[in-house]
Amino acid sequence: MRCYKVLKQLDRPILYSLSPGTGVTTSMAKDVSGLVNMYRITGDDWDTWGDVAAHFNITRDLSTANMIGAKGLMGKSWPDSDMLALGWLTDPGYNNFLDAFPSFIS
């Protein structure tokens, strides 16, 4: 709460983001959204359907609760579901064109 009060006094734009941890609920989002511009709602994920589905599920729940674009610090706040790290999760150079070309023609 102290950071929120200090940031609210600034006369310039700022992005303030918190990470309340994984397992964020709609109730937790309502508690934190008014104090920040962005808050993380999921943990890290990889290219597995379970990880991706979990991101869509929590985002759906927060959308239903009208938390996307809700009132936040000096404007609106946004739930952040992290990046979807899909594809290219191999050693550098492994998927370059010359290595992959023989598999395309065989």
Foldseek 3Di string as FASTA:
>chain_A
DVVLVVVLPDPDDDFFEEEPDEPDDLVNLVVCFASGAEYEHHDDDEPDPVLVVVLVVRVVRNVVVVQAQPHYRVGGHHYDDDDYHDDPPDPPPCPDPVNCVVVVVD
